[in-house]
Amino acid sequence: MIDSDDLARNVVGPGTGGLEQVRAAFGPDVFDSDGALNRSRLAALVFADDDARARLEAIVHPLVRAQVRRIVETSEPTAVVVNAVPLLAEAGLAGEYDVVVVIQAPVETRLRRLQHSRGMSGDDALARVAAQASDDDRARVATWVVVNDGTIEELRQRIRDLWPAILARRLK
């Protein structure tokens, strides 16, 4: 399993070329006094400014894609590689995958989850959701859409129910 969010954090981690690109693009304001990237400051900037978000994505997305390709290339030929890609529709990456499963939840549920799990304010959560592709845009790139409006166990069961169809699709 690949988590593209984790990869995105890693490619701008301490000592990486990605971090230096972020420093060059955004200057010292998004760094703490000890030189560490201040993710909350960077997030506040990029979710308030479309141009800033585009600059950050131009740095991070190619680095993440390169990491994903390396992982896939070193996987067993018969492996099913699952990649959680939060910005798949926004980045136009759907065509790179054999199958795309989109997990959708009502906007109110997403806002509540962002506030609860990440401690975001209502305004910050709303800015994040507003920056994302619409449900219709995501559905257009999906092989399947799974609705995540219940418990985590209900979501897991929906994925387990879908898994045989995913495997069958891979074998075609």
C-alpha atoms as a PDB file:
ATOM      1  CA  MET A   1       0.000   0.000   0.000  1.00  0.00           C
ATOM      2  CA  ILE A   2       1.286   3.406  -0.987  1.00  0.00           C
ATOM      3  CA  ASP A   3       0.078   6.489   0.852  1.00  0.00           C
ATOM      4  CA  SER A   4       0.746   9.498  -1.358  1.00  0.00           C
ATOM      5  CA  ASP A   5       0.194  11.859   1.581  1.00  0.00           C
ATOM      6  CA  ASP A   6       3.063  10.145   3.416  1.00  0.00           C
ATOM      7  CA  LEU A   7       5.235  10.381   0.316  1.00  0.00           C
ATOM      8  CA  ALA A   8       4.367  14.086  -0.022  1.00  0.00           C
ATOM      9  CA  ARG A   9       5.585  14.684   3.532  1.00  0.00           C
ATOM     10  CA  ASN A  10       8.755  12.664   2.910  1.00  0.00           C
ATOM     11  CA  VAL A  11       9.795  14.429  -0.300  1.00  0.00           C
ATOM     12  CA  VAL A  12       9.959  17.738   1.579  1.00  0.00           C
ATOM     13  CA  GLY A  13      11.503  16.230   4.691  1.00  0.00           C
ATOM     14  CA  PRO A  14      14.692  17.474   6.333  1.00  0.00           C
ATOM     15  CA  GLY A  15      17.711  17.424   4.063  1.00  0.00           C
ATOM     16  CA  THR A  16      15.783  16.764   0.840  1.00  0.00           C
ATOM     17  CA  GLY A  17      15.974  18.615  -2.424  1.00  0.00           C
ATOM     18  CA  GLY A  18      12.213  19.072  -2.203  1.00  0.00           C
ATOM     19  CA  LEU A  19      12.598  21.009   1.042  1.00  0.00           C
ATOM     20  CA  GLU A  20      15.151  23.288  -0.580  1.00  0.00           C
ATOM     21  CA  GLN A  21      12.767  23.888  -3.483  1.00  0.00           C
ATOM     22  CA  VAL A  22      10.038  24.849  -0.995  1.00  0.00           C
ATOM     23  CA  ARG A  23      12.474  27.251   0.700  1.00  0.00           C
ATOM     24  CA  ALA A  24      13.350  28.813  -2.662  1.00  0.00           C
ATOM     25  CA  ALA A  25       9.696  29.129  -3.686  1.00  0.00           C
ATOM     26  CA  PHE A  26       8.224  30.390  -0.405  1.00  0.00           C
ATOM     27  CA  GLY A  27      11.117  31.875   1.561  1.00  0.00           C
ATOM     28  CA  PRO A  28      11.748  31.753   5.291  1.00  0.00           C
ATOM     29  CA  ASP A  29       8.179  32.577   6.367  1.00  0.00           C
ATOM     30  CA  VAL A  30       7.076  28.936   6.149  1.00  0.00           C
ATOM     31  CA  PHE A  31       9.975  27.718   8.287  1.00  0.00           C
ATOM     32  CA  ASP A  32      10.483  27.736  12.034  1.00  0.00           C
ATOM     33  CA  SER A  33      13.461  29.483  13.594  1.00  0.00           C
ATOM     34  CA  ASP A  34      15.298  26.133  13.686  1.00  0.00           C
ATOM     35  CA  GLY A  35      14.897  25.719   9.911  1.00  0.00           C
ATOM     36  CA  ALA A  36      12.130  23.096  10.072  1.00  0.00           C
ATOM     37  CA  LEU A  37       9.218  23.378   7.668  1.00  0.00           C
ATOM     38  CA  ASN A  38       6.186  24.769   9.463  1.00  0.00           C
ATOM     39  CA  ARG A  39       3.447  22.769   7.752  1.00  0.00           C
ATOM     40  CA  SER A  40       0.597  24.690   9.319  1.00  0.00           C
ATOM     41  CA  ARG A  41       1.984  28.026   8.081  1.00  0.00           C
ATOM     42  CA  LEU A  42       2.550  26.559   4.623  1.00  0.00           C
ATOM     43  CA  ALA A  43      -0.973  25.080   4.596  1.00  0.00           C
ATOM     44  CA  ALA A  44      -2.512  28.396   5.637  1.00  0.00           C
ATOM     45  CA  LEU A  45      -0.688  30.078   2.768  1.00  0.00           C
ATOM     46  CA  VAL A  46      -1.463  27.567   0.022  1.00  0.00           C
ATOM     47  CA  PHE A  47      -5.107  27.054   0.937  1.00  0.00           C
ATOM     48  CA  ALA A  48      -5.663  30.828   0.815  1.00  0.00           C
ATOM     49  CA  ASP A  49      -3.799  31.411  -2.457  1.00  0.00           C
ATOM     50  CA  ASP A  50      -4.356  29.316  -5.586  1.00  0.00           C
ATOM     51  CA  ASP A  51      -1.059  30.449  -7.131  1.00  0.00           C
ATOM     52  CA  ALA A  52       0.875  29.451  -4.017  1.00  0.00           C
ATOM     53  CA  ARG A  53      -0.857  26.050  -4.006  1.00  0.00           C
ATOM     54  CA  ALA A  54       0.055  25.576  -7.673  1.00  0.00           C
ATOM     55  CA  ARG A  55       3.715  26.419  -6.888  1.00  0.00           C
ATOM     56  CA  LEU A  56       3.779  23.895  -4.051  1.00  0.00           C
ATOM     57  CA  GLU A  57       2.113  21.217  -6.166  1.00  0.00           C
ATOM     58  CA  ALA A  58       4.624  21.847  -8.973  1.00  0.00           C
ATOM     59  CA  ILE A  59       7.355  20.950  -6.487  1.00  0.00           C
ATOM     60  CA  VAL A  60       5.729  18.085  -4.617  1.00  0.00           C
ATOM     61  CA  HIS A  61       3.697  16.233  -7.262  1.00  0.00           C
ATOM     62  CA  PRO A  62       6.574  15.290  -9.596  1.00  0.00           C
ATOM     63  CA  LEU A  63       8.646  14.089  -6.635  1.00  0.00           C
ATOM     64  CA  VAL A  64       5.772  11.966  -5.339  1.00  0.00           C
ATOM     65  CA  ARG A  65       5.085  10.524  -8.806  1.00  0.00           C
ATOM     66  CA  ALA A  66       8.738   9.534  -9.131  1.00  0.00           C
ATOM     67  CA  GLN A  67       8.593   7.773  -5.758  1.00  0.00           C
ATOM     68  CA  VAL A  68       5.394   5.945  -6.741  1.00  0.00           C
ATOM     69  CA  ARG A  69       6.960   4.789 -10.009  1.00  0.00           C
ATOM     70  CA  ARG A  70       9.994   3.424  -8.140  1.00  0.00           C
ATOM     71  CA  ILE A  71       7.764   1.509  -5.738  1.00  0.00           C
ATOM     72  CA  VAL A  72       5.629   0.071  -8.534  1.00  0.00           C
ATOM     73  CA  GLU A  73       8.664  -0.878 -10.626  1.00  0.00           C
ATOM     74  CA  THR A  74      10.166  -2.816  -7.712  1.00  0.00           C
ATOM     75  CA  SER A  75       6.921  -4.604  -6.814  1.00  0.00           C
ATOM     76  CA  GLU A  76       6.307  -8.215  -7.746  1.00  0.00           C
ATOM     77  CA  PRO A  77       4.837  -8.445 -11.271  1.00  0.00           C
ATOM     78  CA  THR A  78       1.639 -10.066  -9.956  1.00  0.00           C
ATOM     79  CA  ALA A  79       1.217  -7.637  -7.038  1.00  0.00           C
ATOM     80  CA  VAL A  80      -1.829  -5.467  -6.659  1.00  0.00           C
ATOM     81  CA  VAL A  81      -0.442  -2.065  -5.729  1.00  0.00           C
ATOM     82  CA  VAL A  82      -2.925   0.152  -3.934  1.00  0.00           C
ATOM     83  CA  ASN A  83      -2.112   3.844  -3.892  1.00  0.00           C
ATOM     84  CA  ALA A  84      -4.128   6.250  -1.757  1.00  0.00           C
ATOM     85  CA  VAL A  85      -3.986   9.473  -3.789  1.00  0.00           C
ATOM     86  CA  PRO A  86      -5.965  12.325  -2.226  1.00  0.00           C
ATOM     87  CA  LEU A  87      -5.484  14.669  -5.203  1.00  0.00           C
ATOM     88  CA  LEU A  88      -5.877  12.118  -7.996  1.00  0.00           C
ATOM     89  CA  ALA A  89      -8.635  13.976  -9.846  1.00  0.00           C
ATOM     90  CA  GLU A  90      -7.104  17.404  -9.231  1.00  0.00           C
ATOM     91  CA  ALA A  91      -3.713  16.306 -10.560  1.00  0.00           C
ATOM     92  CA  GLY A  92      -5.165  14.485 -13.582  1.00  0.00           C
ATOM     93  CA  LEU A  93      -3.573  11.175 -12.573  1.00  0.00           C
ATOM     94  CA  ALA A  94      -6.488   8.794 -13.063  1.00  0.00           C
ATOM     95  CA  GLY A  95      -5.149   7.585 -16.410  1.00  0.00           C
ATOM     96  CA  GLU A  96      -2.033   6.216 -14.718  1.00  0.00           C
ATOM     97  CA  TYR A  97      -4.066   3.565 -12.878  1.00  0.00           C
ATOM     98  CA  ASP A  98      -5.834   0.419 -14.024  1.00  0.00           C
ATOM     99  CA  VAL A  99      -8.629   0.929 -11.496  1.00  0.00           C
ATOM    100  CA  VAL A 100      -9.729   4.018  -9.604  1.00  0.00           C
ATOM    101  CA  VAL A 101     -11.866   3.678  -6.499  1.00  0.00           C
ATOM    102  CA  VAL A 102     -13.112   7.010  -5.245  1.00  0.00           C
ATOM    103  CA  ILE A 103     -14.172   7.229  -1.621  1.00  0.00           C
ATOM    104  CA  GLN A 104     -16.734   9.973  -1.106  1.00  0.00           C
ATOM    105  CA  ALA A 105     -18.418  11.388   1.952  1.00  0.00           C
ATOM    106  CA  PRO A 106     -20.942  14.185   2.313  1.00  0.00           C
ATOM    107  CA  VAL A 107     -19.299  17.601   2.674  1.00  0.00           C
ATOM    108  CA  GLU A 108     -20.612  18.032   6.215  1.00  0.00           C
ATOM    109  CA  THR A 109     -19.032  14.717   7.187  1.00  0.00           C
ATOM    110  CA  ARG A 110     -15.692  15.697   5.623  1.00  0.00           C
ATOM    111  CA  LEU A 111     -15.692  19.012   7.448  1.00  0.00           C
ATOM    112  CA  ARG A 112     -16.488  17.357  10.772  1.00  0.00           C
ATOM    113  CA  ARG A 113     -13.771  14.725  10.245  1.00  0.00           C
ATOM    114  CA  LEU A 114     -11.132  17.329   9.364  1.00  0.00           C
ATOM    115  CA  GLN A 115     -11.985  19.361  12.433  1.00  0.00           C
ATOM    116  CA  HIS A 116     -11.971  16.326  14.699  1.00  0.00           C
ATOM    117  CA  SER A 117      -8.997  14.343  13.353  1.00  0.00           C
ATOM    118  CA  ARG A 118      -6.698  17.231  12.444  1.00  0.00           C
ATOM    119  CA  GLY A 119      -7.867  19.847  14.905  1.00  0.00           C
ATOM    120  CA  MET A 120      -8.680  22.316  12.137  1.00  0.00           C
ATOM    121  CA  SER A 121     -10.930  25.294  12.562  1.00  0.00           C
ATOM    122  CA  GLY A 122     -14.155  25.320  10.578  1.00  0.00           C
ATOM    123  CA  ASP A 123     -12.709  27.901   8.192  1.00  0.00           C
ATOM    124  CA  ASP A 124      -9.512  25.881   7.619  1.00  0.00           C
ATOM    125  CA  ALA A 125     -11.510  22.714   6.976  1.00  0.00           C
ATOM    126  CA  LEU A 126     -13.777  24.562   4.568  1.00  0.00           C
ATOM    127  CA  ALA A 127     -10.759  25.954   2.687  1.00  0.00           C
ATOM    128  CA  ARG A 128      -9.351  22.435   2.303  1.00  0.00           C
ATOM    129  CA  VAL A 129     -12.616  21.031   0.996  1.00  0.00           C
ATOM    130  CA  ALA A 130     -13.122  24.015  -1.342  1.00  0.00           C
ATOM    131  CA  ALA A 131      -9.672  23.408  -2.870  1.00  0.00           C
ATOM    132  CA  GLN A 132     -10.567  19.823  -3.763  1.00  0.00           C
ATOM    133  CA  ALA A 133     -12.202  18.495  -6.899  1.00  0.00           C
ATOM    134  CA  SER A 134     -15.966  18.242  -6.778  1.00  0.00           C
ATOM    135  CA  ASP A 135     -17.700  14.941  -6.145  1.00  0.00           C
ATOM    136  CA  ASP A 136     -18.814  14.968  -9.797  1.00  0.00           C
ATOM    137  CA  ASP A 137     -15.226  15.499 -10.989  1.00  0.00           C
ATOM    138  CA  ARG A 138     -14.032  12.597  -8.852  1.00  0.00           C
ATOM    139  CA  ALA A 139     -16.882  10.362  -9.979  1.00  0.00           C
ATOM    140  CA  ARG A 140     -15.987  11.022 -13.633  1.00  0.00           C
ATOM    141  CA  VAL A 141     -12.514   9.512 -13.156  1.00  0.00           C
ATOM    142  CA  ALA A 142     -13.711   6.604 -11.008  1.00  0.00           C
ATOM    143  CA  THR A 143     -14.093   2.992 -11.944  1.00  0.00           C
ATOM    144  CA  TRP A 144     -16.156   2.690  -8.748  1.00  0.00           C
ATOM    145  CA  VAL A 145     -17.421   5.181  -6.168  1.00  0.00           C
ATOM    146  CA  VAL A 146     -17.714   4.027  -2.564  1.00  0.00           C
ATOM    147  CA  VAL A 147     -19.714   6.170  -0.165  1.00  0.00           C
ATOM    148  CA  ASN A 148     -18.088   6.643   3.229  1.00  0.00           C
ATOM    149  CA  ASP A 149     -20.929   8.011   5.316  1.00  0.00           C
ATOM    150  CA  GLY A 150     -20.797   5.564   8.214  1.00  0.00           C
ATOM    151  CA  THR A 151     -18.296   3.920  10.495  1.00  0.00           C
ATOM    152  CA  ILE A 152     -14.792   2.838   9.551  1.00  0.00           C
ATOM    153  CA  GLU A 153     -15.940  -0.784   9.810  1.00  0.00           C
ATOM    154  CA  GLU A 154     -18.767  -0.124   7.342  1.00  0.00           C
ATOM    155  CA  LEU A 155     -16.243   1.397   4.935  1.00  0.00           C
ATOM    156  CA  ARG A 156     -13.932  -1.601   5.349  1.00  0.00           C
ATOM    157  CA  GLN A 157     -16.851  -3.924   4.559  1.00  0.00           C
ATOM    158  CA  ARG A 158     -17.722  -1.961   1.427  1.00  0.00           C
ATOM    159  CA  ILE A 159     -14.106  -2.295   0.268  1.00  0.00           C
ATOM    160  CA  ARG A 160     -14.059  -6.027   1.087  1.00  0.00           C
ATOM    161  CA  ASP A 161     -17.246  -6.410  -0.961  1.00  0.00           C
ATOM    162  CA  LEU A 162     -15.654  -4.554  -3.882  1.00  0.00           C
ATOM    163  CA  TRP A 163     -12.274  -6.329  -3.731  1.00  0.00           C
ATOM    164  CA  PRO A 164     -13.258  -9.363  -5.912  1.00  0.00           C
ATOM    165  CA  ALA A 165     -14.381  -6.998  -8.682  1.00  0.00           C
ATOM    166  CA  ILE A 166     -11.115  -5.076  -8.410  1.00  0.00           C
ATOM    167  CA  LEU A 167      -9.119  -8.291  -8.730  1.00  0.00           C
ATOM    168  CA  ALA A 168     -11.247  -9.465 -11.655  1.00  0.00           C
ATOM    169  CA  ARG A 169     -10.660  -6.158 -13.426  1.00  0.00           C
ATOM    170  CA  ARG A 170      -6.890  -6.500 -12.904  1.00  0.00           C
ATOM    171  CA  LEU A 171      -6.874  -9.912 -14.572  1.00  0.00           C
ATOM    172  CA  LYS A 172      -8.424  -8.612 -17.817  1.00  0.00           C
END
